Amino acid sequence: MIGRAGAASGSGSGTERAASRLSWLRQPAGSVPLRIPDRVFWLGAIALAILGSLELAIAPFRQFIDFPQFWAAGRTVGTPALVDPGLHTAWEAANGLGLGWWVYPPGSAWLFVPFGFWSLAVGYWLHAAVMTGLVVVAAVLGARIYGLDRRVGLAVAFAWTPAMGSAIVGQNAMLGLVLALVAIEGLRRDDDLLAGLAVGLLLYKPTLALPLIGLLLLRRRWPALLVGLACAVGWYLAGVAAAAGDWQWPGRWVSIVGDYYTGDTAFNVARTISVPGLLQGHGAPAALTLGIGLVMVVLAIPRLVRAPIIEAGAGALLVGLAVSPHTLNYEGAMVLPALMWAIGNSATGISEPARTRLVLGAYLVAPIYLFAEAIGFSSLVFITFIGAAVWISGWRRIRTQDDEAGGGLIHVLQSRLRRGVRRAGP
């Protein structure tokens, strides 16, 4: 008996040691709420994270991709060469950089001063490290908001190819994502100061802030909007200093963006991730692209007004991407809150098996955008359009007691039709 017990104990210890070696692949039951085995989830997440990081190896051979534009802004901020396209391109040419205009608000250039202290190569790697750190911050914050185990949050963030892709190409969408998540957290906690401050800081790139500003307006969060307005004043003053004392910089900036927009939309048509942008880049009439975006926004309003706030925040970001006429691959990082909402354990979500199919489809389709230039379009177009359509319609959404008042438009219409049929029946 003792021998058998000892043998059993030894066997158990071996099993425990084996389990310990694989513990990094597993989570407590229910923490990966998808219909796939835990091991498949973890190995798949690791594989996608590695795939999304491979571009780091070739970034130095592509002149550090987009980063030189931000490095140049950090070097020229506070001088007329930041906002004057002629002076700016002359400075870039003198320093051996590709030519481009600075089209962010002038005050945003102050964010890149720390990277401008270094050489272009060192600045790029420091910037990539900071943006990778912000992937971690977004993962942890998103996990808290959407009811995910923290390690699951890290897995889904790093496996989302556009997140690391943004860091690798020298872009800053991860900063925008973190600020957006802070704003959603502020709304979740009913903290208007935090929400307004985050949205206001997000004005460093106004196109990223607009969806959340719209959400604050629809939800009548006036204190948060006032805080955001105060931040806008701060950005204006920062812009005056960045533009070498030009108090009229907004007019010049709007003119520069207008001149830049048409040509850049056509040049980046293969990198755009919205249907309006794709159509406009191929020469479709502006009225058509504007109409598509407007219809989608109108259809989204009922959900934005009445959905639980963390869901509405994710939905606003997703719809903002889907309707924008100028949003590119790296901004696909802003889809992550919608994915976390779908995966997470919050009060609403998407029912199975649709949830697993949609999430897996998004994660498997997303990396194809890495070959956008070769195939002529970005795979993220499908994700933003289909994702926004699914969210707006409420298709397969887990229902709550308030859904009739605030659920998807299609669900409301179906429910009213059913009531009408019952009243008309015998």
Protein backbone atom coordinates (compact mmCIF):
# COMPACT_ATOMS: atom_id res chain seq x y z
CA MET A 1 0.00 0.00 0.00
CA ILE A 2 2.74 2.39 0.94
CA GLY A 3 4.63 1.51 -2.21
CA ARG A 4 1.55 2.11 -4.31
CA ALA A 5 0.89 5.34 -2.53
CA GLY A 6 4.47 6.36 -3.04
CA ALA A 7 4.26 5.44 -6.70
CA ALA A 8 1.06 7.39 -7.04
CA SER A 9 2.67 10.33 -5.31
CA GLY A 10 5.69 10.18 -7.60
CA SER A 11 3.44 9.98 -10.63
CA GLY A 12 1.46 12.93 -9.36
CA SER A 13 4.63 14.96 -8.88
CA GLY A 14 5.67 14.20 -12.44
CA THR A 15 2.27 15.30 -13.68
CA GLU A 16 2.51 18.48 -11.65
CA ARG A 17 5.99 19.19 -13.03
CA ALA A 18 4.70 18.69 -16.59
CA ALA A 19 1.75 20.96 -15.87
CA SER A 20 4.10 23.54 -14.41
CA ARG A 21 6.20 23.51 -17.57
CA LEU A 22 3.06 24.23 -19.63
CA SER A 23 1.45 26.68 -17.21
CA TRP A 24 2.45 29.63 -19.38
CA LEU A 25 0.16 28.18 -22.06
CA ARG A 26 -2.87 27.87 -19.81
CA GLN A 27 -5.24 30.08 -17.89
CA PRO A 28 -7.99 29.39 -15.35
CA ALA A 29 -11.18 27.96 -16.86
CA GLY A 30 -13.29 30.54 -18.62
CA SER A 31 -10.59 33.20 -18.94
CA VAL A 32 -10.25 32.53 -22.68
CA PRO A 33 -13.95 32.71 -23.61
CA LEU A 34 -13.52 31.40 -27.15
CA ARG A 35 -14.33 27.99 -28.53
CA ILE A 36 -10.73 27.03 -29.14
CA PRO A 37 -8.36 24.99 -26.94
CA ASP A 38 -6.23 27.04 -24.56
CA ARG A 39 -3.01 25.72 -26.06
CA VAL A 40 -4.13 26.71 -29.55
CA PHE A 41 -4.99 30.17 -28.25
CA TRP A 42 -1.59 30.74 -26.66
CA LEU A 43 0.54 29.24 -29.41
CA GLY A 44 -1.49 31.08 -32.04
CA ALA A 45 -1.07 34.37 -30.17
CA ILE A 46 2.68 33.86 -29.94
CA ALA A 47 2.92 33.02 -33.65
CA LEU A 48 0.94 36.10 -34.66
CA ALA A 49 3.01 38.32 -32.37
CA ILE A 50 6.22 37.04 -33.96
CA LEU A 51 4.78 37.49 -37.45
CA GLY A 52 3.78 41.07 -36.67
CA SER A 53 7.29 41.87 -35.41
CA LEU A 54 9.26 40.51 -38.36
CA GLU A 55 9.23 43.90 -40.09
CA LEU A 56 11.62 45.16 -37.42
CA ALA A 57 14.43 43.31 -39.21
CA ILE A 58 13.98 45.29 -42.42
CA ALA A 59 13.08 48.70 -40.97
CA PRO A 60 16.71 49.99 -41.12
CA PHE A 61 16.88 49.03 -44.80
CA ARG A 62 13.72 51.03 -45.52
CA GLN A 63 15.12 54.26 -44.00
CA PHE A 64 13.11 53.56 -40.81
CA ILE A 65 9.86 53.84 -42.77
CA ASP A 66 7.63 56.66 -41.40
CA PHE A 67 9.75 57.64 -38.42
CA PRO A 68 11.94 60.26 -40.20
CA GLN A 69 8.88 62.55 -40.50
CA PHE A 70 8.44 62.56 -36.73
CA TRP A 71 12.18 62.85 -36.10
CA ALA A 72 12.29 65.89 -38.39
CA ALA A 73 9.37 67.44 -36.50
CA GLY A 74 11.20 66.96 -33.20
CA ARG A 75 14.26 68.68 -34.67
CA THR A 76 12.45 71.63 -36.26
CA VAL A 77 9.77 72.35 -33.65
CA GLY A 78 9.85 75.95 -32.50
CA THR A 79 11.16 77.19 -35.85
CA PRO A 80 9.41 78.36 -39.05
CA ALA A 81 10.73 75.21 -40.74
CA LEU A 82 8.10 73.10 -38.95
CA VAL A 83 4.98 74.60 -40.55
CA ASP A 84 6.29 76.05 -43.79
CA PRO A 85 6.26 73.20 -46.37
CA GLY A 86 9.09 74.75 -48.42
CA LEU A 87 11.37 75.29 -45.43
CA HIS A 88 10.48 71.89 -43.99
CA THR A 89 11.32 69.95 -47.14
CA ALA A 90 14.52 71.99 -47.55
CA TRP A 91 15.57 70.99 -44.02
CA GLU A 92 14.76 67.35 -44.76
CA ALA A 93 16.74 67.41 -48.01
CA ALA A 94 19.73 68.98 -46.25
CA ASN A 95 19.65 66.16 -43.70
CA GLY A 96 19.28 63.32 -46.21
CA LEU A 97 15.64 62.49 -45.42
CA GLY A 98 12.71 61.72 -47.64
CA LEU A 99 10.58 64.77 -48.31
CA GLY A 100 7.24 65.31 -46.61
CA TRP A 101 5.16 67.97 -44.89
CA TRP A 102 4.28 68.07 -41.20
CA VAL A 103 0.49 67.65 -41.21
CA TYR A 104 -0.20 67.09 -37.51
CA PRO A 105 -1.13 70.18 -35.49
CA PRO A 106 2.14 72.03 -34.79
CA GLY A 107 1.94 71.50 -31.02
CA SER A 108 2.09 67.73 -31.50
CA ALA A 109 5.69 68.06 -32.67
CA TRP A 110 6.75 68.70 -29.06
CA LEU A 111 6.02 65.02 -28.34
CA PHE A 112 8.90 63.99 -30.59
CA VAL A 113 11.58 66.30 -29.21
CA PRO A 114 13.05 63.53 -26.97
CA PHE A 115 13.70 61.38 -30.03
CA GLY A 116 15.19 64.29 -31.96
CA PHE A 117 18.03 64.59 -29.45
CA TRP A 118 19.52 61.43 -30.93
CA SER A 119 20.58 60.25 -34.35
CA LEU A 120 17.84 58.99 -36.64
CA ALA A 121 18.71 55.33 -35.99
CA VAL A 122 18.90 55.68 -32.20
CA GLY A 123 15.74 57.78 -32.17
CA TYR A 124 13.90 55.12 -34.16
CA TRP A 125 14.80 52.32 -31.76
CA LEU A 126 13.92 54.41 -28.71
CA HIS A 127 10.60 55.32 -30.29
CA ALA A 128 9.90 51.67 -31.15
CA ALA A 129 10.66 50.69 -27.55
CA VAL A 130 8.31 53.35 -26.16
CA MET A 131 5.51 52.31 -28.52
CA THR A 132 6.02 48.65 -27.64
CA GLY A 133 5.73 49.62 -23.98
CA LEU A 134 2.44 51.31 -24.83
CA VAL A 135 1.22 48.00 -26.31
CA VAL A 136 1.72 46.56 -22.82
CA VAL A 137 -0.10 49.50 -21.23
CA ALA A 138 -3.01 49.15 -23.67
CA ALA A 139 -3.17 45.41 -22.98
CA VAL A 140 -3.34 45.82 -19.21
CA LEU A 141 -5.80 48.71 -19.32
CA GLY A 142 -8.00 47.03 -21.92
CA ALA A 143 -8.03 43.81 -19.88
CA ARG A 144 -9.26 45.73 -16.84
CA ILE A 145 -12.00 47.50 -18.80
CA TYR A 146 -13.28 44.49 -20.72
CA GLY A 147 -13.01 41.78 -18.07
CA LEU A 148 -10.02 39.81 -19.34
CA ASP A 149 -7.26 38.06 -17.47
CA ARG A 150 -4.23 40.35 -17.73
CA ARG A 151 -2.15 37.71 -19.49
CA VAL A 152 -4.93 37.17 -22.00
CA GLY A 153 -5.00 40.92 -22.56
CA LEU A 154 -1.28 40.89 -23.33
CA ALA A 155 -1.73 37.98 -25.72
CA VAL A 156 -4.58 39.53 -27.71
CA ALA A 157 -2.79 42.91 -27.88
CA PHE A 158 0.54 41.60 -29.16
CA ALA A 159 -1.20 39.14 -31.50
CA TRP A 160 -3.14 42.01 -33.10
CA THR A 161 -0.75 42.70 -35.96
CA PRO A 162 -1.49 46.43 -36.49
CA ALA A 163 -0.57 47.16 -32.85
CA MET A 164 3.08 46.16 -33.16
CA GLY A 165 2.95 47.16 -36.82
CA SER A 166 2.32 50.75 -35.76
CA ALA A 167 5.38 50.73 -33.51
CA ILE A 168 7.57 49.15 -36.18
CA VAL A 169 6.78 51.63 -38.95
CA GLY A 170 7.56 54.55 -36.67
CA GLN A 171 3.96 55.62 -36.17
CA ASN A 172 2.22 56.53 -32.90
CA ALA A 173 -1.20 54.87 -33.05
CA MET A 174 -0.40 53.08 -29.79
CA LEU A 175 -0.26 56.43 -28.00
CA GLY A 176 -3.68 57.19 -29.45
CA LEU A 177 -4.99 53.79 -28.38
CA VAL A 178 -3.78 54.20 -24.79
CA LEU A 179 -5.37 57.65 -24.54
CA ALA A 180 -8.61 56.28 -26.01
CA LEU A 181 -8.65 53.46 -23.45
CA VAL A 182 -7.98 55.94 -20.64
CA ALA A 183 -10.98 57.94 -21.89
CA ILE A 184 -13.16 54.81 -21.90
CA GLU A 185 -11.94 53.94 -18.40
CA GLY A 186 -12.85 57.44 -17.27
CA LEU A 187 -16.33 57.04 -18.71
CA ARG A 188 -16.65 53.62 -17.07
CA ARG A 189 -15.76 55.13 -13.70
CA ASP A 190 -17.99 58.17 -14.37
CA ASP A 191 -14.88 60.34 -14.04
CA ASP A 192 -15.43 63.25 -16.42
CA LEU A 193 -12.09 64.84 -15.57
CA LEU A 194 -10.16 61.71 -16.59
CA ALA A 195 -12.29 61.10 -19.69
CA GLY A 196 -12.11 64.72 -20.82
CA LEU A 197 -8.38 64.97 -20.20
CA ALA A 198 -7.70 61.80 -22.22
CA VAL A 199 -9.88 62.95 -25.13
CA GLY A 200 -8.26 66.38 -24.98
CA LEU A 201 -4.76 64.94 -25.11
CA LEU A 202 -5.89 62.74 -28.01
CA LEU A 203 -6.31 65.97 -30.00
CA TYR A 204 -2.60 65.65 -30.77
CA LYS A 205 -4.08 63.82 -33.78
CA PRO A 206 -7.65 65.16 -34.17
CA THR A 207 -8.90 62.36 -36.42
CA LEU A 208 -8.39 59.88 -33.56
CA ALA A 209 -10.21 62.12 -31.07
CA LEU A 210 -13.29 62.86 -33.21
CA PRO A 211 -15.14 59.54 -32.58
CA LEU A 212 -14.86 59.95 -28.81
CA ILE A 213 -15.80 63.63 -28.99
CA GLY A 214 -18.91 62.53 -30.87
CA LEU A 215 -19.62 59.95 -28.16
CA LEU A 216 -19.31 62.58 -25.42
CA LEU A 217 -21.76 64.80 -27.31
CA LEU A 218 -24.26 61.99 -27.79
CA ARG A 219 -24.00 61.00 -24.12
CA ARG A 220 -24.21 64.64 -23.02
CA ARG A 221 -21.04 64.43 -20.97
CA TRP A 222 -20.68 68.20 -20.81
CA PRO A 223 -18.06 68.36 -18.02
CA ALA A 224 -15.81 65.98 -19.96
CA LEU A 225 -16.29 68.08 -23.09
CA LEU A 226 -15.32 71.23 -21.20
CA VAL A 227 -12.12 69.56 -20.00
CA GLY A 228 -11.42 68.52 -23.58
CA LEU A 229 -12.01 72.09 -24.74
CA ALA A 230 -9.49 73.34 -22.17
CA CYS A 231 -6.98 70.87 -23.58
CA ALA A 232 -7.71 72.17 -27.08
CA VAL A 233 -6.76 75.66 -25.87
CA GLY A 234 -3.56 74.18 -24.50
CA TRP A 235 -2.80 72.56 -27.85
CA TYR A 236 -3.39 75.90 -29.56
CA LEU A 237 -0.85 77.62 -27.31
CA ALA A 238 1.61 74.76 -27.77
CA GLY A 239 1.12 75.22 -31.52
CA VAL A 240 1.96 78.92 -31.27
CA ALA A 241 5.28 78.05 -29.61
CA ALA A 242 5.93 75.23 -32.09
CA ALA A 243 5.26 77.52 -35.07
CA ALA A 244 7.78 80.14 -33.87
CA GLY A 245 5.17 82.50 -32.46
CA ASP A 246 2.62 82.28 -35.28
CA TRP A 247 -0.75 82.95 -33.59
CA GLN A 248 -2.57 82.34 -36.88
CA TRP A 249 -1.20 78.83 -37.39
CA PRO A 250 -4.65 77.12 -37.53
CA GLY A 251 -5.45 78.78 -40.87
CA ARG A 252 -2.09 77.81 -42.35
CA TRP A 253 -2.38 74.27 -40.97
CA VAL A 254 -5.86 73.75 -42.47
CA SER A 255 -4.55 74.94 -45.84
CA ILE A 256 -1.57 72.56 -45.68
CA VAL A 257 -3.78 69.59 -44.74
CA GLY A 258 -6.18 70.42 -47.57
CA ASP A 259 -3.36 70.53 -50.13
CA TYR A 260 -1.84 67.33 -48.73
CA TYR A 261 -5.00 65.28 -48.41
CA THR A 262 -5.99 64.57 -52.03
CA GLY A 263 -2.57 63.50 -53.21
CA ASP A 264 -1.84 61.42 -50.12
CA THR A 265 -5.20 59.62 -50.34
CA ALA A 266 -4.42 58.51 -53.89
CA PHE A 267 -0.81 57.61 -53.05
CA ASN A 268 -1.82 55.47 -50.05
CA VAL A 269 -4.88 53.82 -51.57
CA ALA A 270 -3.38 50.38 -51.01
CA ARG A 271 -2.89 51.17 -47.32
CA THR A 272 -6.30 52.64 -46.51
CA ILE A 273 -8.47 50.61 -44.16
CA SER A 274 -11.92 52.10 -44.81
CA VAL A 275 -14.32 51.62 -47.69
CA PRO A 276 -14.79 55.41 -48.21
CA GLY A 277 -11.01 55.86 -48.33
CA LEU A 278 -10.58 52.96 -50.74
CA LEU A 279 -13.26 54.30 -53.07
CA GLN A 280 -12.01 57.87 -52.91
CA GLY A 281 -8.45 56.74 -53.56
CA HIS A 282 -9.67 55.11 -56.74
CA GLY A 283 -11.36 58.29 -57.90
CA ALA A 284 -14.94 57.76 -56.68
CA PRO A 285 -16.97 60.96 -56.29
CA ALA A 286 -16.61 62.62 -52.90
CA ALA A 287 -20.41 62.70 -52.58
CA LEU A 288 -20.51 58.89 -52.73
CA THR A 289 -17.79 58.34 -50.14
CA LEU A 290 -19.23 61.02 -47.86
CA GLY A 291 -22.69 59.48 -48.23
CA ILE A 292 -21.47 56.01 -47.24
CA GLY A 293 -19.79 57.39 -44.16
CA LEU A 294 -22.78 59.51 -43.19
CA VAL A 295 -25.22 56.59 -43.50
CA MET A 296 -23.02 54.42 -41.30
CA VAL A 297 -22.74 57.16 -38.66
CA VAL A 298 -26.51 57.71 -38.62
CA LEU A 299 -27.16 53.98 -38.23
CA ALA A 300 -24.63 53.82 -35.38
CA ILE A 301 -26.18 56.61 -33.33
CA PRO A 302 -28.78 54.46 -31.49
CA ARG A 303 -26.08 52.07 -30.32
CA LEU A 304 -23.71 54.87 -29.39
CA VAL A 305 -26.41 56.56 -27.33
CA ARG A 306 -27.70 53.55 -25.39
CA ALA A 307 -25.11 50.77 -25.36
CA PRO A 308 -23.12 50.21 -22.14
CA ILE A 309 -20.42 52.85 -22.12
CA ILE A 310 -17.40 50.55 -22.50
CA GLU A 311 -19.08 48.94 -25.48
CA ALA A 312 -20.03 52.31 -26.94
CA GLY A 313 -16.45 53.53 -26.59
CA ALA A 314 -15.10 50.55 -28.52
CA GLY A 315 -17.88 50.91 -31.09
CA ALA A 316 -17.17 54.62 -31.59
CA LEU A 317 -13.52 53.91 -32.36
CA LEU A 318 -14.45 51.11 -34.76
CA VAL A 319 -17.07 53.17 -36.61
CA GLY A 320 -14.65 56.10 -36.74
CA LEU A 321 -12.14 53.92 -38.60
CA ALA A 322 -14.80 52.50 -40.92
CA VAL A 323 -16.13 55.88 -42.06
CA SER A 324 -12.93 57.90 -42.25
CA PRO A 325 -11.80 58.82 -45.77
CA HIS A 326 -8.17 58.84 -44.63
CA THR A 327 -7.14 56.13 -42.20
CA LEU A 328 -4.22 53.80 -42.88
CA ASN A 329 -2.93 50.39 -41.81
CA TYR A 330 -1.18 51.45 -38.62
CA GLU A 331 -4.40 53.01 -37.29
CA GLY A 332 -5.91 49.52 -37.32
CA ALA A 333 -4.51 49.35 -33.79
CA MET A 334 -7.65 51.25 -32.76
CA VAL A 335 -9.74 48.12 -33.51
CA LEU A 336 -8.30 46.45 -30.41
CA PRO A 337 -10.94 47.71 -27.91
CA ALA A 338 -13.70 46.22 -30.07
CA LEU A 339 -11.87 42.88 -30.13
CA MET A 340 -11.39 42.99 -26.37
CA TRP A 341 -15.08 43.74 -25.93
CA ALA A 342 -15.96 40.73 -28.09
CA ILE A 343 -13.50 38.43 -26.30
CA GLY A 344 -13.99 39.71 -22.78
CA ASN A 345 -16.28 38.90 -19.90
CA SER A 346 -18.20 42.18 -19.84
CA ALA A 347 -21.98 42.26 -19.54
CA THR A 348 -22.51 42.30 -23.31
CA GLY A 349 -20.71 40.72 -26.21
CA ILE A 350 -21.33 38.43 -29.16
CA SER A 351 -22.86 35.01 -28.67
CA GLU A 352 -21.14 31.79 -29.65
CA PRO A 353 -20.24 30.39 -32.08
CA ALA A 354 -20.30 33.72 -33.96
CA ARG A 355 -17.91 35.33 -31.48
CA THR A 356 -15.15 32.79 -31.99
CA ARG A 357 -15.58 32.84 -35.77
CA LEU A 358 -15.50 36.62 -36.01
CA VAL A 359 -12.54 37.04 -33.67
CA LEU A 360 -10.49 34.29 -35.26
CA GLY A 361 -11.35 35.63 -38.70
CA ALA A 362 -10.17 39.11 -37.73
CA TYR A 363 -6.88 37.85 -36.28
CA LEU A 364 -6.15 35.62 -39.27
CA VAL A 365 -7.11 38.20 -41.91
CA ALA A 366 -5.28 41.14 -40.29
CA PRO A 367 -1.67 40.06 -41.08
CA ILE A 368 -2.44 40.01 -44.80
CA TYR A 369 -2.25 43.82 -44.66
CA LEU A 370 1.54 43.41 -44.52
CA PHE A 371 1.32 42.59 -48.24
CA ALA A 372 -1.07 45.44 -49.08
CA GLU A 373 1.28 47.10 -51.53
CA ALA A 374 1.69 43.86 -53.47
CA ILE A 375 -2.02 43.01 -53.68
CA GLY A 376 -3.28 46.58 -54.08
CA PHE A 377 -5.49 46.89 -51.00
CA SER A 378 -5.40 46.38 -47.25
CA SER A 379 -7.09 43.37 -45.66
CA LEU A 380 -8.05 45.63 -42.74
CA VAL A 381 -10.74 47.17 -44.96
CA PHE A 382 -12.80 44.01 -44.47
CA ILE A 383 -12.28 44.06 -40.71
CA THR A 384 -13.31 47.67 -40.16
CA PHE A 385 -16.33 47.51 -42.47
CA ILE A 386 -17.65 44.10 -41.39
CA GLY A 387 -16.83 44.77 -37.73
CA ALA A 388 -18.67 48.10 -37.76
CA ALA A 389 -21.63 46.56 -39.60
CA VAL A 390 -21.85 43.69 -37.08
CA TRP A 391 -21.70 46.06 -34.14
CA ILE A 392 -24.21 48.56 -35.56
CA SER A 393 -26.69 45.84 -36.52
CA GLY A 394 -26.44 44.02 -33.20
CA TRP A 395 -26.06 40.71 -35.06
CA ARG A 396 -25.60 37.84 -32.60
CA ARG A 397 -25.21 40.30 -29.78
CA ILE A 398 -25.84 38.99 -26.27
CA ARG A 399 -29.10 40.62 -25.26
CA THR A 400 -29.69 42.63 -22.09
CA GLN A 401 -32.86 43.96 -20.53
CA ASP A 402 -32.20 47.39 -22.05
CA ASP A 403 -31.62 46.15 -25.59
CA GLU A 404 -35.04 47.12 -26.90
CA ALA A 405 -34.29 50.70 -25.91
CA GLY A 406 -30.65 50.75 -26.82
CA GLY A 407 -29.73 47.71 -28.89
CA GLY A 408 -28.91 47.33 -32.52
CA LEU A 409 -31.18 48.95 -35.07
CA ILE A 410 -32.01 45.67 -36.80
CA HIS A 411 -32.98 44.06 -33.48
CA VAL A 412 -35.28 46.97 -32.62
CA LEU A 413 -37.01 46.84 -36.02
CA GLN A 414 -37.42 43.06 -35.80
CA SER A 415 -38.87 43.31 -32.30
CA ARG A 416 -41.39 45.96 -33.35
CA LEU A 417 -42.34 43.93 -36.40
CA ARG A 418 -43.00 40.88 -34.21
CA ARG A 419 -45.21 42.93 -31.89
CA GLY A 420 -47.13 44.28 -34.88
CA VAL A 421 -47.70 40.76 -36.21
CA ARG A 422 -48.95 39.56 -32.83
CA ARG A 423 -51.40 42.47 -32.56
CA ALA A 424 -52.70 41.82 -36.08
CA GLY A 425 -53.12 38.09 -35.46
CA PRO A 426 -56.33 36.28 -34.46
